[in-house]
Amino acid sequence: MAKMKIKAKEKKGVVKVKAMFTSLMADKEEAVKKGISPSYIRYIVAKVKDAVVYEVTMSGFMSENPLVKFEFKGKKGDKIAFTTIDNDNKTETETEKIK
């Protein structure tokens, strides 16, 4: 399952987010080469107060340990929650306070 490192900082009403997800991102072909089972993140969503601020569908063709960066209008003190779903439909959620 994906481990997450999240940084979210607000400046002048704009929140800049950097999030790295620890995952092999090994699709079927890559898994066969490495002798492991396929494992990759297929969906990521970020929410603040139940409002979606970032959403992406991925595949095993992404690079290992994907890094995402984005901005949105927000404020300091709110919490941003990332949820990932992998190819086995396992879900993981992590939250971080906006600084």
PDB file of N, CA and C in Angstrom:
ATOM      1  N   MET A   1       0.836  -1.179   0.000  1.00  0.00           N
ATOM      2  CA  MET A   1       0.000   0.000   0.000  1.00  0.00           C
ATOM      3  C   MET A   1       0.878   1.238   0.000  1.00  0.00           C
ATOM      4  N   ALA A   2       0.360   2.300  -0.503  1.00  0.00           N
ATOM      5  CA  ALA A   2       1.127   3.540  -0.665  1.00  0.00           C
ATOM      6  C   ALA A   2       1.277   4.292   0.649  1.00  0.00           C
ATOM      7  N   LYS A   3       2.502   4.649   0.972  1.00  0.00           N
ATOM      8  CA  LYS A   3       2.760   5.551   2.085  1.00  0.00           C
ATOM      9  C   LYS A   3       2.835   6.951   1.488  1.00  0.00           C
ATOM     10  N   MET A   4       2.445   7.964   2.262  1.00  0.00           N
ATOM     11  CA  MET A   4       2.369   9.314   1.726  1.00  0.00           C
ATOM     12  C   MET A   4       3.208  10.293   2.538  1.00  0.00           C
ATOM     13  N   LYS A   5       3.821  11.238   1.834  1.00  0.00           N
ATOM     14  CA  LYS A   5       4.483  12.380   2.447  1.00  0.00           C
ATOM     15  C   LYS A   5       3.787  13.598   1.860  1.00  0.00           C
ATOM     16  N   ILE A   6       3.174  14.404   2.719  1.00  0.00           N
ATOM     17  CA  ILE A   6       2.361  15.518   2.251  1.00  0.00           C
ATOM     18  C   ILE A   6       2.870  16.820   2.857  1.00  0.00           C
ATOM     19  N   LYS A   7       3.031  17.839   2.004  1.00  0.00           N
ATOM     20  CA  LYS A   7       3.362  19.187   2.450  1.00  0.00           C
ATOM     21  C   LYS A   7       2.353  20.134   1.821  1.00  0.00           C
ATOM     22  N   ALA A   8       1.727  20.964   2.645  1.00  0.00           N
ATOM     23  CA  ALA A   8       0.744  21.923   2.149  1.00  0.00           C
ATOM     24  C   ALA A   8       0.963  23.248   2.869  1.00  0.00           C
ATOM     25  N   LYS A   9       1.301  24.295   2.092  1.00  0.00           N
ATOM     26  CA  LYS A   9       1.570  25.610   2.671  1.00  0.00           C
ATOM     27  C   LYS A   9       0.727  26.672   1.977  1.00  0.00           C
ATOM     28  N   GLU A  10       0.151  27.564   2.796  1.00  0.00           N
ATOM     29  CA  GLU A  10      -0.689  28.644   2.276  1.00  0.00           C
ATOM     30  C   GLU A  10       0.098  29.949   2.266  1.00  0.00           C
ATOM     31  N   LYS A  11      -0.064  30.692   1.167  1.00  0.00           N
ATOM     32  CA  LYS A  11       0.535  32.022   1.052  1.00  0.00           C
ATOM     33  C   LYS A  11      -0.405  32.874   0.219  1.00  0.00           C
ATOM     34  N   LYS A  12      -0.886  33.960   0.797  1.00  0.00           N
ATOM     35  CA  LYS A  12      -1.790  34.901   0.118  1.00  0.00           C
ATOM     36  C   LYS A  12      -3.038  34.208  -0.437  1.00  0.00           C
ATOM     37  N   GLY A  13      -3.572  33.266   0.314  1.00  0.00           N
ATOM     38  CA  GLY A  13      -4.808  32.601  -0.078  1.00  0.00           C
ATOM     39  C   GLY A  13      -4.647  31.433  -1.036  1.00  0.00           C
ATOM     40  N   VAL A  14      -3.414  31.140  -1.442  1.00  0.00           N
ATOM     41  CA  VAL A  14      -3.148  30.017  -2.354  1.00  0.00           C
ATOM     42  C   VAL A  14      -2.367  28.948  -1.603  1.00  0.00           C
ATOM     43  N   VAL A  15      -2.883  27.733  -1.629  1.00  0.00           N
ATOM     44  CA  VAL A  15      -2.217  26.616  -0.969  1.00  0.00           C
ATOM     45  C   VAL A  15      -1.430  25.836  -2.017  1.00  0.00           C
ATOM     46  N   LYS A  16      -0.124  25.677  -1.770  1.00  0.00           N
ATOM     47  CA  LYS A  16       0.732  24.874  -2.644  1.00  0.00           C
ATOM     48  C   LYS A  16       0.943  23.529  -1.978  1.00  0.00           C
ATOM     49  N   VAL A  17       0.668  22.470  -2.730  1.00  0.00           N
ATOM     50  CA  VAL A  17       0.732  21.110  -2.192  1.00  0.00           C
ATOM     51  C   VAL A  17       1.761  20.286  -2.963  1.00  0.00           C
ATOM     52  N   LYS A  18       2.568  19.552  -2.202  1.00  0.00           N
ATOM     53  CA  LYS A  18       3.467  18.542  -2.761  1.00  0.00           C
ATOM     54  C   LYS A  18       3.168  17.251  -2.021  1.00  0.00           C
ATOM     55  N   ALA A  19       2.939  16.192  -2.766  1.00  0.00           N
ATOM     56  CA  ALA A  19       2.656  14.900  -2.137  1.00  0.00           C
ATOM     57  C   ALA A  19       3.395  13.797  -2.882  1.00  0.00           C
ATOM     58  N   MET A  20       4.118  12.975  -2.129  1.00  0.00           N
ATOM     59  CA  MET A  20       4.832  11.841  -2.723  1.00  0.00           C
ATOM     60  C   MET A  20       4.223  10.561  -2.168  1.00  0.00           C
ATOM     61  N   PHE A  21       4.000   9.616  -3.056  1.00  0.00           N
ATOM     62  CA  PHE A  21       3.382   8.346  -2.715  1.00  0.00           C
ATOM     63  C   PHE A  21       4.392   7.235  -2.946  1.00  0.00           C
ATOM     64  N   THR A  22       4.721   6.478  -1.913  1.00  0.00           N
ATOM     65  CA  THR A  22       5.679   5.389  -2.024  1.00  0.00           C
ATOM     66  C   THR A  22       4.964   4.169  -2.591  1.00  0.00           C
ATOM     67  N   SER A  23       5.286   3.844  -3.829  1.00  0.00           N
ATOM     68  CA  SER A  23       4.681   2.699  -4.500  1.00  0.00           C
ATOM     69  C   SER A  23       5.584   2.247  -5.642  1.00  0.00           C
ATOM     70  N   LEU A  24       5.651   0.944  -5.854  1.00  0.00           N
ATOM     71  CA  LEU A  24       6.464   0.421  -6.960  1.00  0.00           C
ATOM     72  C   LEU A  24       5.883   0.783  -8.323  1.00  0.00           C
ATOM     73  N   MET A  25       4.561   0.990  -8.363  1.00  0.00           N
ATOM     74  CA  MET A  25       3.867   1.317  -9.608  1.00  0.00           C
ATOM     75  C   MET A  25       4.211   0.282 -10.692  1.00  0.00           C
ATOM     76  N   ALA A  26       4.190  -0.989 -10.307  1.00  0.00           N
ATOM     77  CA  ALA A  26       4.549  -2.077 -11.217  1.00  0.00           C
ATOM     78  C   ALA A  26       3.305  -2.669 -11.862  1.00  0.00           C
ATOM     79  N   ASP A  27       3.141  -2.425 -13.163  1.00  0.00           N
ATOM     80  CA  ASP A  27       2.031  -3.034 -13.893  1.00  0.00           C
ATOM     81  C   ASP A  27       2.376  -4.502 -14.151  1.00  0.00           C
ATOM     82  N   LYS A  28       1.532  -5.207 -14.874  1.00  0.00           N
ATOM     83  CA  LYS A  28       1.720  -6.641 -15.088  1.00  0.00           C
ATOM     84  C   LYS A  28       3.060  -6.948 -15.752  1.00  0.00           C
ATOM     85  N   GLU A  29       3.396  -6.195 -16.782  1.00  0.00           N
ATOM     86  CA  GLU A  29       4.653  -6.436 -17.518  1.00  0.00           C
ATOM     87  C   GLU A  29       5.873  -6.196 -16.619  1.00  0.00           C
ATOM     88  N   GLU A  30       5.878  -5.080 -15.892  1.00  0.00           N
ATOM     89  CA  GLU A  30       6.988  -4.745 -15.002  1.00  0.00           C
ATOM     90  C   GLU A  30       7.084  -5.752 -13.852  1.00  0.00           C
ATOM     91  N   ALA A  31       5.951  -6.198 -13.347  1.00  0.00           N
ATOM     92  CA  ALA A  31       5.932  -7.169 -12.252  1.00  0.00           C
ATOM     93  C   ALA A  31       6.555  -8.496 -12.676  1.00  0.00           C
ATOM     94  N   VAL A  32       6.276  -8.928 -13.906  1.00  0.00           N
ATOM     95  CA  VAL A  32       6.861 -10.168 -14.414  1.00  0.00           C
ATOM     96  C   VAL A  32       8.385 -10.036 -14.482  1.00  0.00           C
ATOM     97  N   LYS A  33       8.871  -8.890 -14.964  1.00  0.00           N
ATOM     98  CA  LYS A  33      10.319  -8.658 -15.055  1.00  0.00           C
ATOM     99  C   LYS A  33      10.985  -8.712 -13.682  1.00  0.00           C
ATOM    100  N   LYS A  34      10.308  -8.132 -12.665  1.00  0.00           N
ATOM    101  CA  LYS A  34      10.873  -8.075 -11.324  1.00  0.00           C
ATOM    102  C   LYS A  34      10.556  -9.304 -10.482  1.00  0.00           C
ATOM    103  N   GLY A  35       9.675 -10.180 -10.976  1.00  0.00           N
ATOM    104  CA  GLY A  35       9.303 -11.384 -10.237  1.00  0.00           C
ATOM    105  C   GLY A  35       8.430 -11.093  -9.027  1.00  0.00           C
ATOM    106  N   ILE A  36       7.582 -10.068  -9.139  1.00  0.00           N
ATOM    107  CA  ILE A  36       6.675  -9.696  -8.050  1.00  0.00           C
ATOM    108  C   ILE A  36       5.243  -9.649  -8.574  1.00  0.00           C
ATOM    109  N   SER A  37       4.292  -9.438  -7.679  1.00  0.00           N
ATOM    110  CA  SER A  37       2.909  -9.298  -8.146  1.00  0.00           C
ATOM    111  C   SER A  37       2.662  -7.832  -8.526  1.00  0.00           C
ATOM    112  N   PRO A  38       1.758  -7.593  -9.475  1.00  0.00           N
ATOM    113  CA  PRO A  38       1.468  -6.214  -9.879  1.00  0.00           C
ATOM    114  C   PRO A  38       0.997  -5.385  -8.682  1.00  0.00           C
ATOM    115  N   SER A  39       1.507  -4.161  -8.588  1.00  0.00           N
ATOM    116  CA  SER A  39       1.154  -3.272  -7.489  1.00  0.00           C
ATOM    117  C   SER A  39       1.301  -1.833  -7.949  1.00  0.00           C
ATOM    118  N   TYR A  40       0.185  -1.120  -8.011  1.00  0.00           N
ATOM    119  CA  TYR A  40       0.250   0.290  -8.409  1.00  0.00           C
ATOM    120  C   TYR A  40      -0.975   1.041  -7.910  1.00  0.00           C
ATOM    121  N   ILE A  41      -0.804   2.344  -7.761  1.00  0.00           N
ATOM    122  CA  ILE A  41      -1.902   3.220  -7.366  1.00  0.00           C
ATOM    123  C   ILE A  41      -2.720   3.503  -8.615  1.00  0.00           C
ATOM    124  N   ARG A  42      -4.042   3.350  -8.518  1.00  0.00           N
ATOM    125  CA  ARG A  42      -4.855   3.628  -9.694  1.00  0.00           C
ATOM    126  C   ARG A  42      -5.730   4.863  -9.543  1.00  0.00           C
ATOM    127  N   TYR A  43      -5.865   5.381  -8.311  1.00  0.00           N
ATOM    128  CA  TYR A  43      -6.710   6.548  -8.106  1.00  0.00           C
ATOM    129  C   TYR A  43      -6.231   7.338  -6.895  1.00  0.00           C
ATOM    130  N   ILE A  44      -6.156   8.655  -7.044  1.00  0.00           N
ATOM    131  CA  ILE A  44      -5.810   9.548  -5.934  1.00  0.00           C
ATOM    132  C   ILE A  44      -6.815  10.689  -5.923  1.00  0.00           C
ATOM    133  N   VAL A  45      -7.309  11.018  -4.730  1.00  0.00           N
ATOM    134  CA  VAL A  45      -8.192  12.181  -4.577  1.00  0.00           C
ATOM    135  C   VAL A  45      -7.763  12.930  -3.319  1.00  0.00           C
ATOM    136  N   ALA A  46      -7.762  14.277  -3.418  1.00  0.00           N
ATOM    137  CA  ALA A  46      -7.459  15.128  -2.268  1.00  0.00           C
ATOM    138  C   ALA A  46      -8.673  16.000  -1.996  1.00  0.00           C
ATOM    139  N   LYS A  47      -9.057  16.070  -0.710  1.00  0.00           N
ATOM    140  CA  LYS A  47     -10.239  16.850  -0.328  1.00  0.00           C
ATOM    141  C   LYS A  47      -9.915  17.772   0.839  1.00  0.00           C
ATOM    142  N   VAL A  48     -10.565  18.931   0.817  1.00  0.00           N
ATOM    143  CA  VAL A  48     -10.536  19.861   1.938  1.00  0.00           C
ATOM    144  C   VAL A  48     -11.990  20.158   2.279  1.00  0.00           C
ATOM    145  N   LYS A  49     -12.402  19.846   3.498  1.00  0.00           N
ATOM    146  CA  LYS A  49     -13.801  20.040   3.924  1.00  0.00           C
ATOM    147  C   LYS A  49     -14.780  19.404   2.940  1.00  0.00           C
ATOM    148  N   ASP A  50     -14.537  18.193   2.536  1.00  0.00           N
ATOM    149  CA  ASP A  50     -15.374  17.421   1.604  1.00  0.00           C
ATOM    150  C   ASP A  50     -15.428  17.988   0.183  1.00  0.00           C
ATOM    151  N   ALA A  51     -14.634  19.007  -0.119  1.00  0.00           N
ATOM    152  CA  ALA A  51     -14.554  19.542  -1.481  1.00  0.00           C
ATOM    153  C   ALA A  51     -13.312  18.959  -2.155  1.00  0.00           C
ATOM    154  N   VAL A  52     -13.483  18.396  -3.342  1.00  0.00           N
ATOM    155  CA  VAL A  52     -12.365  17.810  -4.078  1.00  0.00           C
ATOM    156  C   VAL A  52     -11.491  18.936  -4.635  1.00  0.00           C
ATOM    157  N   VAL A  53     -10.196  18.906  -4.278  1.00  0.00           N
ATOM    158  CA  VAL A  53      -9.258  19.908  -4.787  1.00  0.00           C
ATOM    159  C   VAL A  53      -8.266  19.298  -5.784  1.00  0.00           C
ATOM    160  N   TYR A  54      -8.193  17.966  -5.819  1.00  0.00           N
ATOM    161  CA  TYR A  54      -7.304  17.274  -6.764  1.00  0.00           C
ATOM    162  C   TYR A  54      -7.819  15.858  -6.940  1.00  0.00           C
ATOM    163  N   GLU A  55      -7.812  15.393  -8.190  1.00  0.00           N
ATOM    164  CA  GLU A  55      -8.272  14.040  -8.495  1.00  0.00           C
ATOM    165  C   GLU A  55      -7.535  13.541  -9.732  1.00  0.00           C
ATOM    166  N   VAL A  56      -7.069  12.301  -9.677  1.00  0.00           N
ATOM    167  CA  VAL A  56      -6.350  11.740 -10.815  1.00  0.00           C
ATOM    168  C   VAL A  56      -6.527  10.222 -10.845  1.00  0.00           C
ATOM    169  N   THR A  57      -6.656   9.694 -12.054  1.00  0.00           N
ATOM    170  CA  THR A  57      -6.673   8.257 -12.281  1.00  0.00           C
ATOM    171  C   THR A  57      -5.338   7.900 -12.920  1.00  0.00           C
ATOM    172  N   MET A  58      -4.686   6.867 -12.398  1.00  0.00           N
ATOM    173  CA  MET A  58      -3.346   6.495 -12.866  1.00  0.00           C
ATOM    174  C   MET A  58      -3.332   5.039 -13.316  1.00  0.00           C
ATOM    175  N   SER A  59      -2.173   4.615 -13.805  1.00  0.00           N
ATOM    176  CA  SER A  59      -1.974   3.215 -14.168  1.00  0.00           C
ATOM    177  C   SER A  59      -0.572   2.803 -13.737  1.00  0.00           C
ATOM    178  N   GLY A  60      -0.232   1.576 -13.985  1.00  0.00           N
ATOM    179  CA  GLY A  60       1.092   1.069 -13.653  1.00  0.00           C
ATOM    180  C   GLY A  60       2.187   1.655 -14.515  1.00  0.00           C
ATOM    181  N   PHE A  61       1.827   2.458 -15.505  1.00  0.00           N
ATOM    182  CA  PHE A  61       2.823   3.044 -16.400  1.00  0.00           C
ATOM    183  C   PHE A  61       3.459   4.304 -15.830  1.00  0.00           C
ATOM    184  N   MET A  62       2.996   4.748 -14.669  1.00  0.00           N
ATOM    185  CA  MET A  62       3.598   5.900 -13.994  1.00  0.00           C
ATOM    186  C   MET A  62       4.932   5.462 -13.387  1.00  0.00           C
ATOM    187  N   SER A  63       5.795   6.435 -13.099  1.00  0.00           N
ATOM    188  CA  SER A  63       7.083   6.115 -12.500  1.00  0.00           C
ATOM    189  C   SER A  63       6.908   5.694 -11.039  1.00  0.00           C
ATOM    190  N   GLU A  64       7.893   5.008 -10.541  1.00  0.00           N
ATOM    191  CA  GLU A  64       7.900   4.554  -9.151  1.00  0.00           C
ATOM    192  C   GLU A  64       7.885   5.774  -8.229  1.00  0.00           C
ATOM    193  N   ASN A  65       7.196   5.681  -7.105  1.00  0.00           N
ATOM    194  CA  ASN A  65       7.080   6.756  -6.119  1.00  0.00           C
ATOM    195  C   ASN A  65       6.627   8.079  -6.749  1.00  0.00           C
ATOM    196  N   PRO A  66       5.416   8.120  -7.293  1.00  0.00           N
ATOM    197  CA  PRO A  66       4.950   9.330  -7.976  1.00  0.00           C
ATOM    198  C   PRO A  66       4.868  10.542  -7.047  1.00  0.00           C
ATOM    199  N   LEU A  67       5.195  11.701  -7.599  1.00  0.00           N
ATOM    200  CA  LEU A  67       5.142  12.975  -6.901  1.00  0.00           C
ATOM    201  C   LEU A  67       4.130  13.856  -7.615  1.00  0.00           C
ATOM    202  N   VAL A  68       3.194  14.426  -6.875  1.00  0.00           N
ATOM    203  CA  VAL A  68       2.222  15.337  -7.469  1.00  0.00           C
ATOM    204  C   VAL A  68       2.352  16.704  -6.813  1.00  0.00           C
ATOM    205  N   LYS A  69       2.176  17.740  -7.633  1.00  0.00           N
ATOM    206  CA  LYS A  69       2.209  19.124  -7.158  1.00  0.00           C
ATOM    207  C   LYS A  69       1.005  19.828  -7.745  1.00  0.00           C
ATOM    208  N   PHE A  70       0.334  20.621  -6.921  1.00  0.00           N
ATOM    209  CA  PHE A  70      -0.797  21.395  -7.405  1.00  0.00           C
ATOM    210  C   PHE A  70      -1.069  22.540  -6.442  1.00  0.00           C
ATOM    211  N   GLU A  71      -1.911  23.478  -6.872  1.00  0.00           N
ATOM    212  CA  GLU A  71      -2.297  24.629  -6.071  1.00  0.00           C
ATOM    213  C   GLU A  71      -3.810  24.766  -6.074  1.00  0.00           C
ATOM    214  N   PHE A  72      -4.338  25.359  -5.017  1.00  0.00           N
ATOM    215  CA  PHE A  72      -5.756  25.670  -4.954  1.00  0.00           C
ATOM    216  C   PHE A  72      -5.957  26.806  -3.956  1.00  0.00           C
ATOM    217  N   LYS A  73      -7.104  27.468  -4.022  1.00  0.00           N
ATOM    218  CA  LYS A  73      -7.419  28.537  -3.080  1.00  0.00           C
ATOM    219  C   LYS A  73      -7.886  27.903  -1.772  1.00  0.00           C
ATOM    220  N   GLY A  74      -7.215  28.276  -0.687  1.00  0.00           N
ATOM    221  CA  GLY A  74      -7.553  27.713   0.599  1.00  0.00           C
ATOM    222  C   GLY A  74      -6.994  28.563   1.715  1.00  0.00           C
ATOM    223  N   LYS A  75      -7.074  28.030   2.946  1.00  0.00           N
ATOM    224  CA  LYS A  75      -6.576  28.806   4.064  1.00  0.00           C
ATOM    225  C   LYS A  75      -5.806  27.939   5.051  1.00  0.00           C
ATOM    226  N   LYS A  76      -4.940  28.613   5.771  1.00  0.00           N
ATOM    227  CA  LYS A  76      -4.101  27.986   6.785  1.00  0.00           C
ATOM    228  C   LYS A  76      -4.983  27.387   7.876  1.00  0.00           C
ATOM    229  N   GLY A  77      -4.599  26.216   8.374  1.00  0.00           N
ATOM    230  CA  GLY A  77      -5.332  25.574   9.463  1.00  0.00           C
ATOM    231  C   GLY A  77      -6.300  24.497   9.011  1.00  0.00           C
ATOM    232  N   ASP A  78      -6.780  24.576   7.762  1.00  0.00           N
ATOM    233  CA  ASP A  78      -7.648  23.525   7.244  1.00  0.00           C
ATOM    234  C   ASP A  78      -6.838  22.235   7.102  1.00  0.00           C
ATOM    235  N   LYS A  79      -7.535  21.137   6.979  1.00  0.00           N
ATOM    236  CA  LYS A  79      -6.857  19.853   6.781  1.00  0.00           C
ATOM    237  C   LYS A  79      -7.123  19.352   5.369  1.00  0.00           C
ATOM    238  N   ILE A  80      -6.068  18.844   4.728  1.00  0.00           N
ATOM    239  CA  ILE A  80      -6.196  18.238   3.407  1.00  0.00           C
ATOM    240  C   ILE A  80      -6.062  16.729   3.589  1.00  0.00           C
ATOM    241  N   ALA A  81      -6.993  15.990   2.999  1.00  0.00           N
ATOM    242  CA  ALA A  81      -7.012  14.532   3.136  1.00  0.00           C
ATOM    243  C   ALA A  81      -6.797  13.888   1.769  1.00  0.00           C
ATOM    244  N   PHE A  82      -5.782  13.054   1.668  1.00  0.00           N
ATOM    245  CA  PHE A  82      -5.513  12.291   0.451  1.00  0.00           C
ATOM    246  C   PHE A  82      -6.009  10.864   0.643  1.00  0.00           C
ATOM    247  N   THR A  83      -6.681  10.344  -0.363  1.00  0.00           N
ATOM    248  CA  THR A  83      -7.112   8.955  -0.372  1.00  0.00           C
ATOM    249  C   THR A  83      -6.566   8.299  -1.633  1.00  0.00           C
ATOM    250  N   THR A  84      -5.946   7.127  -1.477  1.00  0.00           N
ATOM    251  CA  THR A  84      -5.451   6.365  -2.627  1.00  0.00           C
ATOM    252  C   THR A  84      -6.182   5.032  -2.687  1.00  0.00           C
ATOM    253  N   ILE A  85      -6.356   4.559  -3.911  1.00  0.00           N
ATOM    254  CA  ILE A  85      -6.905   3.221  -4.147  1.00  0.00           C
ATOM    255  C   ILE A  85      -5.927   2.511  -5.065  1.00  0.00           C
ATOM    256  N   ASP A  86      -5.503   1.304  -4.682  1.00  0.00           N
ATOM    257  CA  ASP A  86      -4.548   0.576  -5.517  1.00  0.00           C
ATOM    258  C   ASP A  86      -5.262  -0.421  -6.435  1.00  0.00           C
ATOM    259  N   ASN A  87      -4.479  -1.161  -7.181  1.00  0.00           N
ATOM    260  CA  ASN A  87      -5.039  -2.101  -8.155  1.00  0.00           C
ATOM    261  C   ASN A  87      -5.789  -3.266  -7.505  1.00  0.00           C
ATOM    262  N   ASP A  88      -5.602  -3.479  -6.215  1.00  0.00           N
ATOM    263  CA  ASP A  88      -6.341  -4.523  -5.480  1.00  0.00           C
ATOM    264  C   ASP A  88      -7.524  -3.934  -4.708  1.00  0.00           C
ATOM    265  N   ASN A  89      -7.888  -2.689  -5.021  1.00  0.00           N
ATOM    266  CA  ASN A  89      -8.981  -1.952  -4.365  1.00  0.00           C
ATOM    267  C   ASN A  89      -8.746  -1.699  -2.878  1.00  0.00           C
ATOM    268  N   LYS A  90      -7.504  -1.698  -2.440  1.00  0.00           N
ATOM    269  CA  LYS A  90      -7.175  -1.338  -1.063  1.00  0.00           C
ATOM    270  C   LYS A  90      -7.123   0.185  -0.987  1.00  0.00           C
ATOM    271  N   THR A  91      -7.760   0.727   0.052  1.00  0.00           N
ATOM    272  CA  THR A  91      -7.846   2.167   0.225  1.00  0.00           C
ATOM    273  C   THR A  91      -7.014   2.615   1.415  1.00  0.00           C
ATOM    274  N   GLU A  92      -6.345   3.753   1.264  1.00  0.00           N
ATOM    275  CA  GLU A  92      -5.593   4.341   2.356  1.00  0.00           C
ATOM    276  C   GLU A  92      -5.820   5.846   2.348  1.00  0.00           C
ATOM    277  N   THR A  93      -6.012   6.417   3.534  1.00  0.00           N
ATOM    278  CA  THR A  93      -6.245   7.856   3.657  1.00  0.00           C
ATOM    279  C   THR A  93      -5.280   8.441   4.673  1.00  0.00           C
ATOM    280  N   GLU A  94      -4.779   9.631   4.359  1.00  0.00           N
ATOM    281  CA  GLU A  94      -3.899  10.343   5.275  1.00  0.00           C
ATOM    282  C   GLU A  94      -4.226  11.824   5.203  1.00  0.00           C
ATOM    283  N   THR A  95      -4.193  12.500   6.345  1.00  0.00           N
ATOM    284  CA  THR A  95      -4.490  13.922   6.374  1.00  0.00           C
ATOM    285  C   THR A  95      -3.284  14.726   6.872  1.00  0.00           C
ATOM    286  N   GLU A  96      -3.253  15.981   6.472  1.00  0.00           N
ATOM    287  CA  GLU A  96      -2.193  16.892   6.873  1.00  0.00           C
ATOM    288  C   GLU A  96      -2.793  18.277   7.042  1.00  0.00           C
ATOM    289  N   LYS A  97      -2.362  18.982   8.063  1.00  0.00           N
ATOM    290  CA  LYS A  97      -2.848  20.336   8.314  1.00  0.00           C
ATOM    291  C   LYS A  97      -2.119  21.310   7.388  1.00  0.00           C
ATOM    292  N   ILE A  98      -2.849  22.247   6.828  1.00  0.00           N
ATOM    293  CA  ILE A  98      -2.249  23.263   5.943  1.00  0.00           C
ATOM    294  C   ILE A  98      -1.547  24.281   6.827  1.00  0.00           C
ATOM    295  N   LYS A  99      -0.280  24.519   6.526  1.00  0.00           N
ATOM    296  CA  LYS A  99       0.533  25.450   7.324  1.00  0.00           C
ATOM    297  C   LYS A  99       0.591  26.812   6.664  1.00  0.00           C
TER     298      LYS A  99
END
